[in-house]
N, C-alpha and C. Protein backbone atom coordinates (compact mmCIF):
# COMPACT_ATOMS: atom_id res chain seq x y z
N MET A 1 -225.24 165.31 85.73
CA MET A 1 -224.96 165.59 84.33
C MET A 1 -224.13 164.47 83.73
N VAL A 2 -224.51 164.02 82.55
CA VAL A 2 -223.75 163.02 81.81
C VAL A 2 -223.44 163.58 80.42
N VAL A 3 -222.17 163.54 80.04
CA VAL A 3 -221.76 164.01 78.72
C VAL A 3 -221.19 162.83 77.95
N ASN A 4 -221.83 162.49 76.84
CA ASN A 4 -221.33 161.45 75.94
C ASN A 4 -220.49 162.15 74.86
N LEU A 5 -219.17 162.04 74.97
CA LEU A 5 -218.27 162.80 74.11
C LEU A 5 -218.29 162.32 72.66
N SER A 6 -218.88 161.15 72.41
CA SER A 6 -218.97 160.66 71.03
C SER A 6 -220.39 160.80 70.46
N LYS A 7 -221.25 161.54 71.15
CA LYS A 7 -222.61 161.75 70.64
C LYS A 7 -222.57 162.44 69.28
N HIS A 8 -221.67 163.41 69.14
CA HIS A 8 -221.44 164.06 67.86
C HIS A 8 -220.02 163.71 67.41
N TYR A 9 -219.85 163.48 66.13
CA TYR A 9 -218.54 163.00 65.65
C TYR A 9 -217.43 164.00 65.93
N SER A 10 -216.32 163.48 66.42
CA SER A 10 -215.04 164.16 66.47
C SER A 10 -213.99 163.07 66.38
N LEU A 11 -212.71 163.45 66.38
CA LEU A 11 -211.65 162.44 66.33
C LEU A 11 -211.70 161.48 67.51
N LEU A 12 -212.31 161.90 68.61
CA LEU A 12 -212.46 161.00 69.75
C LEU A 12 -213.16 159.71 69.34
N CYS A 13 -214.11 159.78 68.42
CA CYS A 13 -214.81 158.58 67.96
C CYS A 13 -213.83 157.58 67.34
N ASP A 14 -212.82 158.09 66.63
CA ASP A 14 -211.79 157.22 66.06
C ASP A 14 -211.00 156.53 67.16
N PHE A 15 -210.68 157.28 68.23
CA PHE A 15 -209.91 156.70 69.34
C PHE A 15 -210.71 155.58 70.02
N VAL A 16 -212.01 155.82 70.23
CA VAL A 16 -212.87 154.81 70.85
C VAL A 16 -212.97 153.57 69.97
N SER A 17 -213.12 153.78 68.66
CA SER A 17 -213.22 152.65 67.72
C SER A 17 -211.97 151.78 67.79
N GLU A 18 -210.80 152.40 67.85
CA GLU A 18 -209.56 151.63 67.92
C GLU A 18 -209.43 150.89 69.24
N LEU A 19 -209.91 151.50 70.34
CA LEU A 19 -209.89 150.81 71.63
C LEU A 19 -210.71 149.53 71.59
N ARG A 20 -211.83 149.57 70.89
CA ARG A 20 -212.73 148.41 70.83
C ARG A 20 -212.25 147.34 69.86
N ASN A 21 -211.49 147.72 68.85
CA ASN A 21 -211.18 146.85 67.72
C ASN A 21 -210.17 145.76 68.11
N VAL A 22 -210.61 144.48 68.03
CA VAL A 22 -209.75 143.37 68.45
C VAL A 22 -208.51 143.24 67.56
N ASP A 23 -208.56 143.78 66.35
CA ASP A 23 -207.41 143.70 65.46
C ASP A 23 -206.35 144.75 65.78
N ILE A 24 -206.72 145.75 66.58
CA ILE A 24 -205.78 146.81 66.96
C ILE A 24 -205.37 146.69 68.42
N GLN A 25 -206.21 146.04 69.22
CA GLN A 25 -205.97 145.97 70.67
C GLN A 25 -204.65 145.30 71.04
N HIS A 26 -204.13 144.43 70.16
CA HIS A 26 -202.89 143.73 70.51
C HIS A 26 -201.71 144.69 70.62
N ASP A 27 -201.84 145.89 70.05
CA ASP A 27 -200.79 146.90 70.14
C ASP A 27 -200.99 147.67 71.44
N ARG A 28 -200.32 147.23 72.49
CA ARG A 28 -200.54 147.81 73.82
C ARG A 28 -200.21 149.29 73.86
N MET A 29 -199.14 149.69 73.18
CA MET A 29 -198.77 151.09 73.20
C MET A 29 -199.85 151.96 72.58
N ARG A 30 -200.44 151.49 71.47
CA ARG A 30 -201.51 152.26 70.84
C ARG A 30 -202.76 152.27 71.72
N PHE A 31 -203.05 151.15 72.38
CA PHE A 31 -204.19 151.09 73.28
C PHE A 31 -204.03 152.12 74.40
N ARG A 32 -202.84 152.16 75.01
CA ARG A 32 -202.60 153.14 76.08
C ARG A 32 -202.70 154.56 75.55
N ARG A 33 -202.15 154.79 74.35
CA ARG A 33 -202.16 156.14 73.79
C ARG A 33 -203.59 156.59 73.47
N ASN A 34 -204.44 155.68 73.00
CA ASN A 34 -205.82 156.06 72.74
C ASN A 34 -206.56 156.41 74.02
N LEU A 35 -206.32 155.68 75.10
CA LEU A 35 -206.88 156.07 76.40
C LEU A 35 -206.38 157.44 76.81
N GLU A 36 -205.09 157.66 76.60
CA GLU A 36 -204.49 158.95 76.95
C GLU A 36 -205.14 160.08 76.15
N ARG A 37 -205.37 159.85 74.86
CA ARG A 37 -205.96 160.89 74.02
C ARG A 37 -207.40 161.19 74.43
N ILE A 38 -208.14 160.16 74.86
CA ILE A 38 -209.49 160.40 75.37
C ILE A 38 -209.43 161.26 76.63
N GLY A 39 -208.44 161.00 77.48
CA GLY A 39 -208.24 161.83 78.66
C GLY A 39 -207.94 163.28 78.29
N GLU A 40 -207.17 163.49 77.24
CA GLU A 40 -206.85 164.84 76.79
C GLU A 40 -208.10 165.57 76.29
N VAL A 41 -208.92 164.86 75.50
CA VAL A 41 -210.16 165.47 75.01
C VAL A 41 -211.08 165.82 76.19
N ALA A 42 -211.20 164.90 77.14
CA ALA A 42 -212.05 165.15 78.31
C ALA A 42 -211.55 166.35 79.11
N ALA A 43 -210.24 166.45 79.28
CA ALA A 43 -209.67 167.59 80.02
C ALA A 43 -210.03 168.90 79.34
N TYR A 44 -209.91 168.93 78.03
CA TYR A 44 -210.26 170.13 77.25
C TYR A 44 -211.73 170.49 77.45
N GLU A 45 -212.61 169.48 77.37
CA GLU A 45 -214.04 169.75 77.52
C GLU A 45 -214.40 170.19 78.94
N ILE A 46 -213.81 169.55 79.93
CA ILE A 46 -214.09 169.93 81.32
C ILE A 46 -213.62 171.34 81.58
N SER A 47 -212.48 171.72 81.01
CA SER A 47 -211.90 173.05 81.27
C SER A 47 -212.84 174.17 80.84
N LYS A 48 -213.70 173.90 79.86
CA LYS A 48 -214.65 174.92 79.40
C LYS A 48 -215.64 175.31 80.50
N HIS A 49 -215.82 174.43 81.48
CA HIS A 49 -216.79 174.66 82.54
C HIS A 49 -216.13 175.10 83.85
N MET A 50 -214.84 175.38 83.81
CA MET A 50 -214.11 175.75 85.02
C MET A 50 -213.88 177.26 85.06
N ALA A 51 -213.79 177.78 86.27
CA ALA A 51 -213.61 179.23 86.44
C ALA A 51 -212.24 179.66 85.92
N HIS A 52 -212.21 180.84 85.33
CA HIS A 52 -210.95 181.40 84.84
C HIS A 52 -210.83 182.85 85.28
N GLN A 53 -209.65 183.40 85.10
CA GLN A 53 -209.41 184.78 85.47
C GLN A 53 -208.67 185.50 84.34
N GLN A 54 -208.84 186.81 84.29
CA GLN A 54 -208.18 187.64 83.28
C GLN A 54 -206.87 188.14 83.87
N VAL A 55 -205.78 187.97 83.13
CA VAL A 55 -204.47 188.43 83.59
C VAL A 55 -203.75 189.16 82.47
N GLU A 56 -202.83 190.04 82.86
CA GLU A 56 -201.97 190.71 81.90
C GLU A 56 -200.71 189.88 81.70
N THR A 57 -200.43 189.49 80.47
CA THR A 57 -199.27 188.66 80.17
C THR A 57 -198.27 189.47 79.34
N PRO A 58 -197.04 189.60 79.85
CA PRO A 58 -196.05 190.37 79.08
C PRO A 58 -195.60 189.61 77.83
N THR A 59 -195.46 190.32 76.75
CA THR A 59 -194.93 189.76 75.51
C THR A 59 -193.69 190.57 75.11
N PRO A 60 -192.90 190.13 74.13
CA PRO A 60 -191.73 190.92 73.71
C PRO A 60 -192.09 192.32 73.21
N LEU A 61 -193.36 192.54 72.82
CA LEU A 61 -193.74 193.84 72.24
C LEU A 61 -194.80 194.58 73.05
N GLY A 62 -195.11 194.09 74.25
CA GLY A 62 -196.12 194.76 75.06
C GLY A 62 -196.76 193.82 76.04
N THR A 63 -198.06 193.97 76.25
CA THR A 63 -198.81 193.09 77.15
C THR A 63 -200.08 192.61 76.45
N SER A 64 -200.54 191.43 76.84
CA SER A 64 -201.75 190.85 76.28
C SER A 64 -202.69 190.47 77.42
N GLN A 65 -203.98 190.71 77.22
CA GLN A 65 -204.98 190.28 78.17
C GLN A 65 -205.31 188.81 77.89
N CYS A 66 -204.99 187.94 78.83
CA CYS A 66 -205.17 186.50 78.64
C CYS A 66 -206.08 185.92 79.72
N LYS A 67 -206.71 184.81 79.38
CA LYS A 67 -207.55 184.08 80.34
C LYS A 67 -206.77 182.88 80.85
N LEU A 68 -206.76 182.70 82.15
CA LEU A 68 -206.06 181.58 82.77
C LEU A 68 -206.99 180.84 83.73
N LEU A 69 -206.76 179.54 83.86
CA LEU A 69 -207.52 178.73 84.81
C LEU A 69 -207.36 179.31 86.21
N GLN A 70 -208.47 179.46 86.90
CA GLN A 70 -208.44 180.11 88.21
C GLN A 70 -207.87 179.20 89.30
N GLU A 71 -208.16 177.90 89.22
CA GLU A 71 -207.61 176.97 90.21
C GLU A 71 -207.35 175.62 89.56
N GLN A 72 -206.35 174.95 90.08
CA GLN A 72 -205.98 173.64 89.55
C GLN A 72 -206.83 172.55 90.21
N PRO A 73 -207.26 171.55 89.43
CA PRO A 73 -208.02 170.44 90.02
C PRO A 73 -207.09 169.42 90.67
N VAL A 74 -207.71 168.46 91.33
CA VAL A 74 -206.99 167.25 91.78
C VAL A 74 -207.40 166.12 90.84
N LEU A 75 -206.43 165.47 90.25
CA LEU A 75 -206.68 164.34 89.36
C LEU A 75 -206.46 163.04 90.11
N ALA A 76 -207.48 162.21 90.15
CA ALA A 76 -207.39 160.93 90.86
C ALA A 76 -207.64 159.79 89.89
N THR A 77 -206.98 158.67 90.12
CA THR A 77 -207.26 157.50 89.29
C THR A 77 -207.19 156.23 90.10
N ILE A 78 -207.82 155.20 89.54
CA ILE A 78 -207.87 153.89 90.18
C ILE A 78 -206.84 153.00 89.51
N LEU A 79 -205.89 152.51 90.29
CA LEU A 79 -204.82 151.66 89.76
C LEU A 79 -205.38 150.29 89.36
N ARG A 80 -204.86 149.66 88.28
CA ARG A 80 -203.82 150.13 87.40
C ARG A 80 -204.37 150.66 86.09
N ALA A 81 -205.59 150.23 85.77
CA ALA A 81 -206.16 150.49 84.45
C ALA A 81 -206.33 151.97 84.16
N GLY A 82 -206.50 152.79 85.21
CA GLY A 82 -206.76 154.20 85.00
C GLY A 82 -205.56 155.04 84.64
N LEU A 83 -204.36 154.47 84.71
CA LEU A 83 -203.15 155.28 84.53
C LEU A 83 -203.06 155.98 83.18
N PRO A 84 -203.32 155.33 82.03
CA PRO A 84 -203.21 156.05 80.76
C PRO A 84 -204.23 157.18 80.63
N LEU A 85 -205.46 156.95 81.07
CA LEU A 85 -206.49 157.98 81.03
C LEU A 85 -206.09 159.15 81.92
N HIS A 86 -205.57 158.83 83.09
CA HIS A 86 -205.07 159.83 84.03
C HIS A 86 -203.96 160.67 83.40
N GLN A 87 -203.05 160.00 82.69
CA GLN A 87 -201.95 160.72 82.05
C GLN A 87 -202.47 161.71 81.02
N GLY A 88 -203.52 161.33 80.27
CA GLY A 88 -204.10 162.25 79.32
C GLY A 88 -204.64 163.51 79.98
N LEU A 89 -205.33 163.34 81.10
CA LEU A 89 -205.81 164.50 81.86
C LEU A 89 -204.65 165.34 82.37
N LEU A 90 -203.59 164.66 82.84
CA LEU A 90 -202.43 165.36 83.39
C LEU A 90 -201.65 166.10 82.30
N ASN A 91 -201.69 165.61 81.07
CA ASN A 91 -201.02 166.31 79.97
C ASN A 91 -201.58 167.72 79.79
N TYR A 92 -202.90 167.88 80.08
CA TYR A 92 -203.53 169.19 79.91
C TYR A 92 -203.61 169.97 81.22
N PHE A 93 -204.01 169.31 82.29
CA PHE A 93 -203.97 169.94 83.62
C PHE A 93 -202.59 169.66 84.22
N ASP A 94 -201.56 170.23 83.62
CA ASP A 94 -200.20 169.78 83.92
C ASP A 94 -199.65 170.31 85.23
N ARG A 95 -200.39 171.15 85.93
CA ARG A 95 -199.97 171.62 87.26
C ARG A 95 -200.91 171.11 88.35
N ALA A 96 -201.73 170.14 88.00
CA ALA A 96 -202.70 169.61 88.96
C ALA A 96 -202.02 168.78 90.04
N ASP A 97 -202.66 168.71 91.21
CA ASP A 97 -202.29 167.73 92.23
C ASP A 97 -202.89 166.38 91.83
N ASN A 98 -202.34 165.31 92.40
CA ASN A 98 -202.75 163.96 91.98
C ASN A 98 -203.05 163.07 93.17
N ALA A 99 -204.00 162.15 92.95
CA ALA A 99 -204.35 161.15 93.96
C ALA A 99 -204.43 159.79 93.28
N PHE A 100 -204.05 158.74 94.03
CA PHE A 100 -204.04 157.38 93.49
C PHE A 100 -204.70 156.44 94.49
N ILE A 101 -205.56 155.57 93.96
CA ILE A 101 -206.33 154.65 94.79
C ILE A 101 -206.22 153.24 94.23
N SER A 102 -206.08 152.27 95.10
CA SER A 102 -206.18 150.87 94.65
C SER A 102 -207.59 150.39 94.93
N ALA A 103 -208.23 149.85 93.90
CA ALA A 103 -209.57 149.27 94.06
C ALA A 103 -209.68 148.11 93.10
N TYR A 104 -210.17 147.00 93.58
CA TYR A 104 -210.32 145.84 92.69
C TYR A 104 -211.49 144.98 93.15
N ARG A 105 -211.95 144.15 92.21
CA ARG A 105 -213.02 143.21 92.52
C ARG A 105 -212.43 141.98 93.22
N LYS A 106 -212.83 141.77 94.46
CA LYS A 106 -212.40 140.59 95.20
C LYS A 106 -213.49 139.52 95.03
N HIS A 107 -213.19 138.53 94.19
CA HIS A 107 -214.20 137.53 93.82
C HIS A 107 -214.32 136.43 94.87
N HIS A 108 -215.55 135.91 95.01
CA HIS A 108 -215.85 134.82 95.92
C HIS A 108 -216.17 133.56 95.13
N PRO A 109 -216.06 132.37 95.74
CA PRO A 109 -216.30 131.12 95.02
C PRO A 109 -217.68 131.03 94.37
N ASP A 110 -218.67 131.73 94.92
CA ASP A 110 -220.02 131.65 94.34
C ASP A 110 -220.21 132.58 93.14
N GLY A 111 -219.12 133.27 92.74
CA GLY A 111 -219.21 134.16 91.59
C GLY A 111 -219.47 135.61 91.94
N SER A 112 -219.87 135.87 93.17
CA SER A 112 -220.09 137.25 93.60
C SER A 112 -218.75 137.93 93.89
N PHE A 113 -218.78 139.24 94.06
CA PHE A 113 -217.55 139.95 94.38
C PHE A 113 -217.86 141.18 95.22
N GLU A 114 -216.84 141.66 95.88
CA GLU A 114 -216.93 142.93 96.61
C GLU A 114 -215.78 143.82 96.17
N ILE A 115 -215.94 145.13 96.33
CA ILE A 115 -214.89 146.07 95.96
C ILE A 115 -213.94 146.22 97.16
N SER A 116 -212.70 145.86 96.95
CA SER A 116 -211.70 145.97 98.01
C SER A 116 -210.80 147.16 97.73
N MET A 117 -210.59 147.99 98.75
CA MET A 117 -209.73 149.16 98.62
C MET A 117 -208.69 149.10 99.74
N GLU A 118 -207.41 149.22 99.36
CA GLU A 118 -206.36 149.00 100.34
C GLU A 118 -205.35 150.14 100.42
N TYR A 119 -205.43 151.11 99.50
CA TYR A 119 -204.39 152.13 99.45
C TYR A 119 -204.94 153.43 98.88
N VAL A 120 -204.56 154.54 99.46
CA VAL A 120 -204.87 155.85 98.89
C VAL A 120 -203.72 156.80 99.18
N SER A 121 -203.35 157.57 98.18
CA SER A 121 -202.39 158.66 98.33
C SER A 121 -203.03 159.89 97.72
N SER A 122 -203.31 160.90 98.56
CA SER A 122 -204.09 162.03 98.08
C SER A 122 -203.71 163.32 98.81
N PRO A 123 -203.77 164.45 98.11
CA PRO A 123 -203.65 165.74 98.80
C PRO A 123 -204.95 166.07 99.52
N ASP A 124 -204.97 167.15 100.25
CA ASP A 124 -206.19 167.63 100.89
C ASP A 124 -207.21 167.98 99.80
N LEU A 125 -208.41 167.45 99.90
CA LEU A 125 -209.44 167.65 98.88
C LEU A 125 -210.49 168.68 99.28
N GLU A 126 -210.35 169.29 100.44
CA GLU A 126 -211.37 170.20 100.93
C GLU A 126 -211.58 171.36 99.95
N ASP A 127 -212.82 171.48 99.46
CA ASP A 127 -213.24 172.57 98.57
C ASP A 127 -212.45 172.60 97.26
N ARG A 128 -211.97 171.43 96.82
CA ARG A 128 -211.24 171.34 95.56
C ARG A 128 -212.13 170.76 94.47
N ILE A 129 -211.71 170.90 93.23
CA ILE A 129 -212.34 170.23 92.09
C ILE A 129 -211.64 168.90 91.90
N LEU A 130 -212.38 167.81 91.99
CA LEU A 130 -211.83 166.46 91.90
C LEU A 130 -212.26 165.81 90.59
N ILE A 131 -211.29 165.31 89.82
CA ILE A 131 -211.56 164.61 88.57
C ILE A 131 -211.02 163.19 88.69
N ILE A 132 -211.92 162.20 88.67
CA ILE A 132 -211.54 160.80 88.83
C ILE A 132 -211.60 160.11 87.48
N SER A 133 -210.53 159.42 87.10
CA SER A 133 -210.51 158.70 85.83
C SER A 133 -210.50 157.19 86.06
N ASP A 134 -211.33 156.50 85.28
CA ASP A 134 -211.42 155.04 85.30
C ASP A 134 -211.94 154.63 83.93
N PRO A 135 -211.20 153.82 83.16
CA PRO A 135 -211.59 153.53 81.78
C PRO A 135 -213.00 152.96 81.62
N MET A 136 -213.42 152.08 82.55
CA MET A 136 -214.69 151.39 82.39
C MET A 136 -215.61 151.68 83.57
N LEU A 137 -216.76 152.26 83.29
CA LEU A 137 -217.78 152.45 84.32
C LEU A 137 -218.82 151.36 84.08
N ALA A 138 -218.71 150.26 84.82
CA ALA A 138 -219.58 149.10 84.62
C ALA A 138 -220.74 149.14 85.62
N THR A 139 -220.56 148.54 86.79
CA THR A 139 -221.62 148.60 87.80
C THR A 139 -221.65 149.95 88.51
N GLY A 140 -220.50 150.63 88.54
CA GLY A 140 -220.39 151.90 89.25
C GLY A 140 -219.99 151.73 90.71
N ALA A 141 -219.94 150.48 91.19
CA ALA A 141 -219.67 150.25 92.62
C ALA A 141 -218.29 150.74 93.03
N SER A 142 -217.27 150.47 92.21
CA SER A 142 -215.92 150.87 92.60
C SER A 142 -215.77 152.39 92.59
N LEU A 143 -216.43 153.07 91.66
CA LEU A 143 -216.34 154.53 91.61
C LEU A 143 -217.04 155.18 92.80
N VAL A 144 -218.21 154.67 93.17
CA VAL A 144 -218.91 155.21 94.32
C VAL A 144 -218.08 155.01 95.58
N LYS A 145 -217.51 153.82 95.73
CA LYS A 145 -216.69 153.55 96.91
C LYS A 145 -215.43 154.41 96.89
N THR A 146 -214.88 154.66 95.71
CA THR A 146 -213.71 155.52 95.59
C THR A 146 -214.03 156.95 96.05
N ILE A 147 -215.17 157.47 95.62
CA ILE A 147 -215.56 158.82 96.03
C ILE A 147 -215.73 158.88 97.54
N GLN A 148 -216.37 157.88 98.11
CA GLN A 148 -216.57 157.84 99.56
C GLN A 148 -215.22 157.74 100.28
N PHE A 149 -214.32 156.94 99.74
CA PHE A 149 -212.99 156.75 100.30
C PHE A 149 -212.21 158.06 100.28
N LEU A 150 -212.29 158.78 99.15
CA LEU A 150 -211.55 160.02 99.00
C LEU A 150 -212.10 161.14 99.89
N ARG A 151 -213.36 161.07 100.23
CA ARG A 151 -213.93 162.12 101.08
C ARG A 151 -213.30 162.13 102.47
N GLU A 152 -212.61 161.06 102.82
CA GLU A 152 -211.86 161.06 104.08
C GLU A 152 -210.69 162.03 104.01
N GLU A 153 -210.31 162.44 102.78
CA GLU A 153 -209.21 163.41 102.60
C GLU A 153 -209.75 164.83 102.45
N GLY A 154 -211.04 165.04 102.66
CA GLY A 154 -211.66 166.35 102.53
C GLY A 154 -212.85 166.29 101.60
N LYS A 155 -213.73 167.28 101.69
CA LYS A 155 -214.95 167.30 100.90
C LYS A 155 -214.75 168.18 99.66
N PRO A 156 -214.64 167.58 98.48
CA PRO A 156 -214.48 168.39 97.26
C PRO A 156 -215.75 169.16 96.93
N LYS A 157 -215.59 170.32 96.28
CA LYS A 157 -216.77 171.11 95.90
C LYS A 157 -217.39 170.62 94.60
N GLU A 158 -216.59 169.96 93.76
CA GLU A 158 -217.08 169.37 92.51
C GLU A 158 -216.40 168.02 92.32
N VAL A 159 -217.16 167.07 91.78
CA VAL A 159 -216.59 165.77 91.43
C VAL A 159 -216.95 165.45 89.99
N HIS A 160 -215.93 165.17 89.19
CA HIS A 160 -216.11 164.75 87.81
C HIS A 160 -215.56 163.33 87.66
N ILE A 161 -216.23 162.52 86.85
CA ILE A 161 -215.74 161.18 86.50
C ILE A 161 -215.48 161.16 85.01
N VAL A 162 -214.31 160.67 84.62
CA VAL A 162 -213.95 160.53 83.21
C VAL A 162 -213.75 159.05 82.92
N CYS A 163 -214.44 158.52 81.92
CA CYS A 163 -214.29 157.12 81.54
C CYS A 163 -214.30 156.99 80.02
N ALA A 164 -213.64 155.95 79.54
CA ALA A 164 -213.65 155.69 78.09
C ALA A 164 -214.98 155.10 77.66
N ILE A 165 -215.44 154.07 78.39
CA ILE A 165 -216.72 153.42 78.11
C ILE A 165 -217.53 153.35 79.40
N ALA A 166 -218.79 153.74 79.32
CA ALA A 166 -219.68 153.65 80.47
C ALA A 166 -220.91 152.83 80.09
N CYS A 167 -221.49 152.18 81.09
CA CYS A 167 -222.74 151.43 80.91
C CYS A 167 -223.86 152.21 81.59
N THR A 168 -225.03 152.21 80.99
CA THR A 168 -226.15 152.97 81.55
C THR A 168 -226.49 152.51 82.98
N VAL A 169 -226.33 151.22 83.24
CA VAL A 169 -226.60 150.70 84.60
C VAL A 169 -225.67 151.36 85.61
N GLY A 170 -224.39 151.46 85.26
CA GLY A 170 -223.41 152.07 86.15
C GLY A 170 -223.64 153.55 86.33
N ILE A 171 -223.99 154.23 85.24
CA ILE A 171 -224.28 155.67 85.33
C ILE A 171 -225.44 155.91 86.29
N GLU A 172 -226.49 155.11 86.16
CA GLU A 172 -227.66 155.27 87.04
C GLU A 172 -227.30 154.99 88.50
N TYR A 173 -226.46 153.97 88.73
CA TYR A 173 -226.07 153.65 90.10
C TYR A 173 -225.26 154.79 90.71
N VAL A 174 -224.32 155.33 89.95
CA VAL A 174 -223.50 156.44 90.45
C VAL A 174 -224.39 157.62 90.80
N HIS A 175 -225.35 157.95 89.94
CA HIS A 175 -226.18 159.12 90.20
C HIS A 175 -227.19 158.90 91.32
N ARG A 176 -227.56 157.66 91.57
CA ARG A 176 -228.40 157.40 92.75
C ARG A 176 -227.61 157.64 94.03
N SER A 177 -226.35 157.26 94.02
CA SER A 177 -225.51 157.40 95.20
C SER A 177 -224.88 158.78 95.31
N GLU A 178 -224.52 159.36 94.17
CA GLU A 178 -223.82 160.65 94.12
C GLU A 178 -224.49 161.53 93.06
N PRO A 179 -225.65 162.10 93.37
CA PRO A 179 -226.43 162.80 92.34
C PRO A 179 -225.76 164.04 91.74
N ASN A 180 -224.77 164.61 92.41
CA ASN A 180 -224.14 165.84 91.91
C ASN A 180 -222.89 165.58 91.08
N VAL A 181 -222.52 164.32 90.92
CA VAL A 181 -221.32 163.99 90.15
C VAL A 181 -221.57 164.22 88.66
N LYS A 182 -220.58 164.77 87.97
CA LYS A 182 -220.65 164.96 86.52
C LYS A 182 -219.83 163.86 85.84
N ILE A 183 -220.43 163.17 84.88
CA ILE A 183 -219.79 162.03 84.23
C ILE A 183 -219.50 162.37 82.77
N TRP A 184 -218.26 162.17 82.36
CA TRP A 184 -217.80 162.43 80.99
C TRP A 184 -217.37 161.10 80.38
N CYS A 185 -218.06 160.66 79.32
CA CYS A 185 -217.86 159.33 78.75
C CYS A 185 -217.35 159.43 77.31
N GLY A 186 -216.40 158.56 76.96
CA GLY A 186 -216.02 158.44 75.56
C GLY A 186 -217.13 157.81 74.74
N ALA A 187 -217.87 156.89 75.34
CA ALA A 187 -219.03 156.26 74.70
C ALA A 187 -219.87 155.62 75.79
N ILE A 188 -221.15 155.38 75.49
CA ILE A 188 -222.07 154.75 76.43
C ILE A 188 -222.66 153.50 75.80
N ASP A 189 -222.54 152.36 76.50
CA ASP A 189 -223.13 151.09 76.07
C ASP A 189 -224.30 150.75 76.98
N GLU A 190 -225.22 149.94 76.47
CA GLU A 190 -226.45 149.66 77.19
C GLU A 190 -226.40 148.38 78.02
N GLU A 191 -225.59 147.40 77.61
CA GLU A 191 -225.69 146.06 78.21
C GLU A 191 -224.58 145.79 79.22
N LEU A 192 -224.97 145.11 80.29
CA LEU A 192 -224.03 144.63 81.31
C LEU A 192 -224.32 143.16 81.54
N THR A 193 -223.28 142.32 81.44
CA THR A 193 -223.50 140.88 81.61
C THR A 193 -223.69 140.52 83.07
N ALA A 194 -224.05 139.25 83.31
CA ALA A 194 -224.24 138.76 84.68
C ALA A 194 -222.95 138.85 85.49
N LYS A 195 -221.80 138.84 84.80
CA LYS A 195 -220.51 138.96 85.48
C LYS A 195 -220.02 140.41 85.51
N SER A 196 -220.91 141.33 85.16
CA SER A 196 -220.64 142.77 85.24
C SER A 196 -219.60 143.25 84.25
N TYR A 197 -219.64 142.69 83.04
CA TYR A 197 -218.81 143.19 81.94
C TYR A 197 -219.69 143.96 80.96
N ILE A 198 -219.14 145.08 80.46
CA ILE A 198 -219.88 145.91 79.53
C ILE A 198 -219.86 145.29 78.14
N VAL A 199 -221.03 145.29 77.47
CA VAL A 199 -221.17 144.77 76.10
C VAL A 199 -221.73 145.89 75.21
N PRO A 200 -221.11 146.18 74.05
CA PRO A 200 -219.94 145.50 73.47
C PRO A 200 -218.62 145.83 74.16
N GLY A 201 -218.55 146.97 74.84
CA GLY A 201 -217.36 147.28 75.63
C GLY A 201 -216.09 147.21 74.84
N LEU A 202 -215.01 146.76 75.52
CA LEU A 202 -213.73 146.58 74.85
C LEU A 202 -212.87 145.49 75.47
N GLY A 203 -213.39 144.83 76.51
CA GLY A 203 -212.61 143.83 77.21
C GLY A 203 -212.07 144.40 78.52
N ASP A 204 -210.97 143.84 78.99
CA ASP A 204 -210.34 144.28 80.25
C ASP A 204 -209.30 145.34 79.94
N ALA A 205 -209.58 146.58 80.29
CA ALA A 205 -208.68 147.69 79.94
C ALA A 205 -207.31 147.54 80.58
N GLY A 206 -207.26 147.06 81.82
CA GLY A 206 -205.97 146.88 82.49
C GLY A 206 -205.10 145.84 81.81
N ASP A 207 -205.71 144.72 81.45
CA ASP A 207 -204.96 143.66 80.76
C ASP A 207 -204.49 144.13 79.39
N LEU A 208 -205.34 144.85 78.67
CA LEU A 208 -204.98 145.29 77.32
C LEU A 208 -203.88 146.35 77.37
N ALA A 209 -203.86 147.15 78.43
CA ALA A 209 -202.85 148.20 78.55
C ALA A 209 -201.52 147.67 79.08
N TYR A 210 -201.57 146.68 80.00
CA TYR A 210 -200.36 146.30 80.73
C TYR A 210 -200.06 144.81 80.79
N GLY A 211 -200.92 143.99 80.19
CA GLY A 211 -200.69 142.56 80.22
C GLY A 211 -201.63 141.87 81.19
N THR A 212 -201.88 140.58 80.91
CA THR A 212 -202.83 139.81 81.71
C THR A 212 -202.32 139.60 83.12
N LYS A 213 -203.17 139.90 84.08
CA LYS A 213 -202.79 139.74 85.48
C LYS A 213 -202.96 138.29 85.90
N GLN A 214 -202.21 137.88 86.92
CA GLN A 214 -202.35 136.54 87.47
C GLN A 214 -203.67 136.44 88.20
N GLN A 215 -204.42 135.39 87.93
CA GLN A 215 -205.70 135.19 88.59
C GLN A 215 -205.51 134.62 89.99
N ALA A 216 -206.23 135.23 90.95
CA ALA A 216 -206.12 134.76 92.34
C ALA A 216 -206.84 133.44 92.51
């Protein structure tokens, strides 16, 4: 399943537009906040598909029949670019467990690259709902490797991916490797360059959120 959250207009479309806009991107705090807000919208939409239970809630004047989330998910993100999006999800799933993974493109002199993963901190994932956030779904290679890496911590019963911008090539790759994964996108772009950058995309989300990294 793929959900394009900007297929029909909502305020999320405004957040995506500001993320892309080169005249607004220089404001790092606003860039991070827009990623965070997309995470909040995604959390709200995902919650509609999660199991809930009916409980009696005491009020000052009696009791009310309320619906509550039946189980908390595990929120995972890929350092560093995923942190603002992750925070948006955590703002709504505020009692969730959390997992953090380092994954980056290790470039070779010939221009090729491989996904290097060196760190994971995660709770037990067995039979849990796992929501992974990563701002850009480009080739999909890092997300597939992340899912495989996290399965060493247990087999989740559901896996959701939340991204601000996704490319159709990456979506197709993820679903070939992980056909049961549900993908929630702020927007979907069609083009991927030879260097695996999404067009029109928005640039490097990590650099725009936290500053340009030193090139190896």
